[in-house]
N, C-alpha and C. Protein backbone atom coordinates (compact mmCIF):
# COMPACT_ATOMS: atom_id res chain seq x y z
N MET A 1 2.17 8.56 5.76
CA MET A 1 0.45 7.86 5.67
C MET A 1 0.25 8.39 6.89
N ALA A 2 -0.99 9.43 6.75
CA ALA A 2 -1.70 9.73 8.26
C ALA A 2 -3.04 10.42 8.05
N ILE A 3 -3.79 10.44 9.23
CA ILE A 3 -5.35 10.77 9.21
C ILE A 3 -5.01 11.90 10.13
N THR A 4 -5.56 12.93 10.21
CA THR A 4 -5.55 13.97 10.90
C THR A 4 -6.96 14.62 11.38
N LEU A 5 -7.33 15.71 12.12
CA LEU A 5 -8.14 16.13 12.71
C LEU A 5 -7.85 17.67 12.53
N SER A 6 -8.98 18.17 12.25
CA SER A 6 -9.00 19.99 12.67
C SER A 6 -9.08 20.08 13.76
N GLU A 7 -8.64 21.62 13.85
CA GLU A 7 -9.04 21.93 15.41
C GLU A 7 -10.06 21.59 16.02
N ARG A 8 -11.13 22.15 15.21
CA ARG A 8 -12.53 22.26 15.35
C ARG A 8 -12.72 20.84 15.97
N ALA A 9 -12.82 19.49 15.19
CA ALA A 9 -12.88 18.24 15.45
C ALA A 9 -12.29 17.94 16.43
N ALA A 10 -10.85 18.03 16.71
CA ALA A 10 -9.95 17.54 18.10
C ALA A 10 -10.85 18.37 19.52
N ARG A 11 -11.29 19.24 19.00
CA ARG A 11 -11.96 20.21 20.36
C ARG A 11 -12.97 19.27 20.61
N HIS A 12 -13.98 19.01 19.59
CA HIS A 12 -14.99 18.17 19.45
C HIS A 12 -14.98 16.59 20.49
N VAL A 13 -13.94 16.19 19.88
CA VAL A 13 -13.49 15.00 20.54
C VAL A 13 -13.25 15.00 21.79
N SER A 14 -12.55 15.72 21.68
CA SER A 14 -11.62 16.09 23.58
C SER A 14 -12.96 16.27 24.54
N ASN A 15 -13.61 16.98 23.97
CA ASN A 15 -15.02 17.62 24.97
C ASN A 15 -15.80 16.04 25.28
N PHE A 16 -16.14 15.39 24.41
CA PHE A 16 -16.78 14.20 24.66
C PHE A 16 -16.34 13.38 25.41
N LEU A 17 -14.62 12.91 24.96
CA LEU A 17 -14.04 12.11 25.65
C LEU A 17 -14.30 12.53 27.38
N THR A 18 -13.71 13.60 27.52
CA THR A 18 -13.85 13.99 29.19
C THR A 18 -15.54 13.90 29.60
N LYS A 19 -16.42 14.16 28.82
CA LYS A 19 -17.90 14.08 29.12
C LYS A 19 -17.99 12.35 29.57
N ARG A 20 -17.57 11.57 28.69
CA ARG A 20 -17.41 9.96 28.56
C ARG A 20 -16.60 9.31 29.86
N GLY A 21 -15.70 10.06 30.81
CA GLY A 21 -14.92 9.78 31.48
C GLY A 21 -13.69 8.81 31.49
N LYS A 22 -13.53 8.47 30.03
CA LYS A 22 -12.44 7.36 29.74
C LYS A 22 -12.47 7.31 28.37
N GLY A 23 -11.31 6.86 27.51
CA GLY A 23 -11.04 6.90 26.47
C GLY A 23 -9.98 7.57 26.07
N ILE A 24 -9.18 6.96 24.49
CA ILE A 24 -7.80 7.62 24.46
C ILE A 24 -7.53 8.01 23.23
N GLY A 25 -8.76 8.16 22.67
CA GLY A 25 -8.56 9.04 21.10
C GLY A 25 -10.35 8.64 20.17
N ILE A 26 -10.24 8.66 19.04
CA ILE A 26 -11.14 7.83 18.43
C ILE A 26 -10.65 6.89 17.21
N ARG A 27 -11.23 5.63 16.82
CA ARG A 27 -11.18 4.71 15.89
C ARG A 27 -12.13 5.08 14.66
N LEU A 28 -11.44 5.43 13.45
CA LEU A 28 -11.88 5.82 11.66
C LEU A 28 -11.74 4.52 11.25
N GLY A 29 -12.46 4.08 10.66
CA GLY A 29 -11.95 2.79 9.46
C GLY A 29 -13.09 3.40 8.72
N VAL A 30 -13.24 2.36 7.80
CA VAL A 30 -14.22 1.85 6.84
C VAL A 30 -14.41 0.31 6.79
N ARG A 31 -16.00 0.26 6.45
CA ARG A 31 -16.82 -0.69 6.26
C ARG A 31 -17.26 -0.88 4.88
N THR A 32 -17.50 -2.37 4.10
CA THR A 32 -18.27 -2.88 2.90
C THR A 32 -20.02 -2.37 3.51
N SER A 33 -20.68 -1.44 2.89
CA SER A 33 -21.85 -0.72 2.85
C SER A 33 -22.31 0.22 2.05
N GLY A 34 -23.65 0.33 2.12
CA GLY A 34 -24.31 1.51 1.22
C GLY A 34 -24.20 1.15 -0.31
N CYS A 35 -24.50 2.42 -1.26
CA CYS A 35 -24.84 2.22 -2.51
C CYS A 35 -23.33 2.20 -3.25
N SER A 36 -22.51 2.91 -2.34
CA SER A 36 -21.65 3.18 -3.23
C SER A 36 -19.97 2.33 -2.78
N GLY A 37 -20.51 1.50 -1.76
CA GLY A 37 -19.29 -0.12 -1.69
C GLY A 37 -18.88 0.16 -0.12
N MET A 38 -18.43 1.25 0.28
CA MET A 38 -17.89 1.55 1.88
C MET A 38 -18.24 2.97 2.18
N ALA A 39 -18.47 2.83 3.50
CA ALA A 39 -18.53 3.70 4.64
C ALA A 39 -18.09 3.74 5.87
N TYR A 40 -17.91 4.64 6.33
CA TYR A 40 -16.97 4.91 7.62
C TYR A 40 -17.68 4.61 8.67
N LYS A 41 -16.62 4.36 9.96
CA LYS A 41 -16.76 3.66 10.97
C LYS A 41 -16.08 4.66 11.81
N LEU A 42 -16.79 5.06 12.87
CA LEU A 42 -15.92 6.32 13.65
C LEU A 42 -16.37 5.84 15.08
N GLU A 43 -15.64 5.59 16.20
CA GLU A 43 -15.97 5.07 17.33
C GLU A 43 -14.99 5.70 18.45
N PHE A 44 -15.25 5.72 19.86
CA PHE A 44 -14.35 5.67 20.82
C PHE A 44 -13.09 4.70 21.05
N VAL A 45 -11.94 5.25 21.52
CA VAL A 45 -11.04 3.82 21.71
C VAL A 45 -10.87 3.86 23.24
N ASP A 46 -10.83 2.60 23.84
CA ASP A 46 -10.34 2.81 25.40
C ASP A 46 -8.80 2.14 25.80
N GLU A 47 -8.82 1.10 24.38
CA GLU A 47 -7.32 0.80 24.21
C GLU A 47 -6.73 0.55 23.05
N ILE A 48 -5.49 0.36 22.56
CA ILE A 48 -4.90 0.36 21.43
C ILE A 48 -4.82 -1.17 21.14
N ALA A 49 -5.45 -1.71 20.30
CA ALA A 49 -5.40 -3.29 20.08
C ALA A 49 -3.82 -3.69 18.97
N GLU A 50 -3.53 -4.75 19.20
CA GLU A 50 -1.93 -4.77 18.52
C GLU A 50 -2.50 -5.02 16.94
N GLY A 51 -1.72 -4.33 16.70
CA GLY A 51 -1.76 -4.00 14.81
C GLY A 51 -2.22 -2.77 14.17
N ASP A 52 -2.72 -2.05 15.40
CA ASP A 52 -3.34 -0.95 15.28
C ASP A 52 -2.31 0.36 14.80
N LEU A 53 -2.76 1.52 14.17
CA LEU A 53 -2.08 2.24 13.80
C LEU A 53 -2.56 3.84 14.24
N SER A 54 -1.64 4.56 14.90
CA SER A 54 -1.98 5.40 15.72
C SER A 54 -1.70 6.77 14.99
N PHE A 55 -2.23 7.94 15.23
CA PHE A 55 -1.80 9.47 14.47
C PHE A 55 -2.17 10.12 15.79
N GLU A 56 -1.21 11.20 16.29
CA GLU A 56 -1.79 12.55 16.85
C GLU A 56 -2.13 13.57 16.06
N SER A 57 -3.35 14.14 16.71
CA SER A 57 -3.14 15.44 15.81
C SER A 57 -4.74 16.29 17.09
N HIS A 58 -3.60 17.49 16.85
CA HIS A 58 -4.27 18.16 17.67
C HIS A 58 -4.22 18.05 19.26
N GLY A 59 -3.55 17.29 19.67
CA GLY A 59 -3.83 16.36 20.68
C GLY A 59 -4.51 15.57 21.58
N VAL A 60 -5.35 14.74 20.20
CA VAL A 60 -5.94 13.91 19.96
C VAL A 60 -5.65 12.69 19.43
N MET A 61 -5.95 11.69 19.34
CA MET A 61 -4.97 10.22 18.93
C MET A 61 -6.04 9.54 18.19
N VAL A 62 -5.76 9.58 16.98
CA VAL A 62 -6.73 8.67 16.15
C VAL A 62 -6.30 6.94 15.30
N ILE A 63 -7.05 6.43 16.01
CA ILE A 63 -6.88 5.17 15.56
C ILE A 63 -7.19 4.43 14.51
N THR A 64 -6.63 3.61 13.49
CA THR A 64 -7.20 2.97 12.67
C THR A 64 -6.76 1.48 12.55
N ASP A 65 -7.15 0.86 11.53
CA ASP A 65 -6.24 -0.88 11.33
C ASP A 65 -5.88 -0.45 9.93
N PRO A 66 -4.80 -1.20 9.83
CA PRO A 66 -4.09 -1.63 8.61
C PRO A 66 -4.71 -1.55 7.48
N LYS A 67 -6.09 -2.51 7.49
CA LYS A 67 -6.52 -2.80 6.33
C LYS A 67 -7.15 -1.72 5.57
N SER A 68 -7.93 -0.44 6.38
CA SER A 68 -8.73 0.69 6.15
C SER A 68 -7.67 1.67 5.82
N LEU A 69 -6.58 2.03 6.51
CA LEU A 69 -5.50 2.89 6.00
C LEU A 69 -5.46 3.04 4.71
N PRO A 70 -5.60 2.59 3.79
CA PRO A 70 -4.75 2.84 2.39
C PRO A 70 -6.41 3.98 1.99
N TYR A 71 -7.72 3.07 2.33
CA TYR A 71 -8.93 3.97 2.25
C TYR A 71 -8.81 5.41 2.53
N LEU A 72 -8.08 5.50 3.59
CA LEU A 72 -8.40 6.92 4.50
C LEU A 72 -7.29 7.55 4.67
N ASP A 73 -5.55 7.19 4.11
CA ASP A 73 -4.54 8.09 4.21
C ASP A 73 -5.17 9.45 3.53
N GLY A 74 -4.72 10.44 4.10
CA GLY A 74 -4.92 11.74 4.03
C GLY A 74 -6.02 12.38 4.23
N THR A 75 -6.84 11.53 4.93
CA THR A 75 -7.78 11.81 5.04
C THR A 75 -7.94 12.56 6.69
N GLU A 76 -8.95 14.18 6.43
CA GLU A 76 -8.37 15.13 7.91
C GLU A 76 -10.17 15.28 7.71
N LEU A 77 -10.32 15.10 9.12
CA LEU A 77 -11.78 14.95 9.72
C LEU A 77 -12.19 16.36 10.67
N ASP A 78 -13.42 16.40 9.99
CA ASP A 78 -13.49 17.84 10.10
C ASP A 78 -14.81 18.00 11.53
N PHE A 79 -15.43 18.95 11.96
CA PHE A 79 -16.64 19.08 12.58
C PHE A 79 -17.34 20.47 12.04
N VAL A 80 -18.08 20.00 11.37
CA VAL A 80 -19.06 21.57 10.95
C VAL A 80 -20.04 21.80 11.20
N ARG A 81 -20.62 22.65 11.44
CA ARG A 81 -21.98 23.37 11.98
C ARG A 81 -22.86 23.76 10.53
N GLU A 82 -24.10 23.54 9.47
CA GLU A 82 -24.38 24.03 8.66
C GLU A 82 -25.58 24.14 9.09
N GLY A 83 -26.49 25.47 9.50
CA GLY A 83 -27.76 25.51 10.06
C GLY A 83 -27.56 25.11 11.28
N LEU A 84 -28.87 24.24 11.16
CA LEU A 84 -29.12 23.86 12.40
C LEU A 84 -28.38 22.10 12.39
N ASN A 85 -27.83 21.83 11.43
CA ASN A 85 -27.04 20.45 11.43
C ASN A 85 -25.72 20.64 12.24
N GLU A 86 -25.00 19.69 12.80
CA GLU A 86 -23.83 19.85 13.23
C GLU A 86 -23.24 18.24 13.01
N GLY A 87 -21.89 18.03 12.50
CA GLY A 87 -21.41 16.78 12.22
C GLY A 87 -20.35 16.72 11.94
N PHE A 88 -19.47 15.59 11.71
CA PHE A 88 -18.19 15.26 11.27
C PHE A 88 -17.95 15.59 9.56
N LYS A 89 -16.97 16.06 9.34
CA LYS A 89 -16.97 15.59 7.71
C LYS A 89 -15.83 15.29 7.43
N PHE A 90 -15.82 14.46 6.18
CA PHE A 90 -14.40 13.27 5.94
C PHE A 90 -14.27 13.95 5.15
N ASN A 91 -12.80 14.69 4.62
CA ASN A 91 -12.24 15.23 3.77
C ASN A 91 -11.25 14.23 3.34
N ASN A 92 -11.62 13.21 2.48
CA ASN A 92 -11.09 12.09 2.03
C ASN A 92 -10.20 12.35 0.73
N PRO A 93 -8.85 12.60 0.12
CA PRO A 93 -8.20 12.98 -1.07
C PRO A 93 -8.83 11.36 -2.10
N ASN A 94 -8.85 10.36 -1.51
CA ASN A 94 -8.56 9.27 -2.19
C ASN A 94 -10.02 8.68 -2.69
N VAL A 95 -11.49 9.31 -2.32
CA VAL A 95 -12.48 9.31 -2.45
C VAL A 95 -12.97 9.52 -3.98
N LYS A 96 -13.28 8.81 -4.96
CA LYS A 96 -13.56 8.72 -6.48
C LYS A 96 -15.13 9.02 -6.68
N ASN A 97 -15.96 8.71 -5.81
CA ASN A 97 -17.43 8.95 -6.07
C ASN A 97 -18.22 8.73 -4.84
N GLU A 98 -19.09 9.20 -4.58
CA GLU A 98 -19.80 9.27 -3.18
C GLU A 98 -21.48 9.56 -3.79
N CYS A 99 -21.98 8.63 -2.71
CA CYS A 99 -23.73 8.35 -2.89
C CYS A 99 -24.72 9.44 -2.94
N GLY A 100 -25.55 9.61 -3.40
CA GLY A 100 -26.50 11.17 -3.17
C GLY A 100 -27.02 11.36 -1.40
N CYS A 101 -26.59 10.07 -0.63
CA CYS A 101 -26.91 10.58 0.56
C CYS A 101 -25.65 10.75 1.44
N GLY A 102 -25.00 10.86 0.61
CA GLY A 102 -23.43 11.18 1.14
C GLY A 102 -23.16 9.93 2.31
N GLU A 103 -23.70 9.28 2.70
CA GLU A 103 -23.26 7.86 3.96
C GLU A 103 -22.33 6.77 3.15
N SER A 104 -21.81 6.68 1.97
CA SER A 104 -21.20 5.61 1.30
C SER A 104 -20.02 6.32 0.41
N PHE A 105 -19.16 5.38 0.05
CA PHE A 105 -18.55 6.47 -1.02
C PHE A 105 -17.84 5.27 -1.57
N ASN A 106 -16.70 5.37 -2.88
CA ASN A 106 -15.57 4.31 -3.37
C ASN A 106 -14.43 5.34 -3.59
N VAL A 107 -13.92 4.28 -3.93
CA VAL A 107 -12.21 4.72 -4.03
C VAL A 107 -11.77 3.98 -5.44
């Protein structure tokens, strides 16, 4: 079981952590939301909580909680630029359907 970052995503997170001046990595999780049932949560992590799972990818720590991992196992977080827009893209092999706006998914 693992969650990974692309090299671009790892560079982007590293740069933000440096600008922020603190933090050990990012937390990726899921929450119930949206029209398809689940949505991603992404936030900076200053310390690992008891029970958290951590993965290192391209020198960046990715932390998740045990309840989110079955929905995220095998996911690669990428950072993409499409025209004038840029942001994280979740390449999650577990997703069966996504909503039209791309904000939620189900497995």
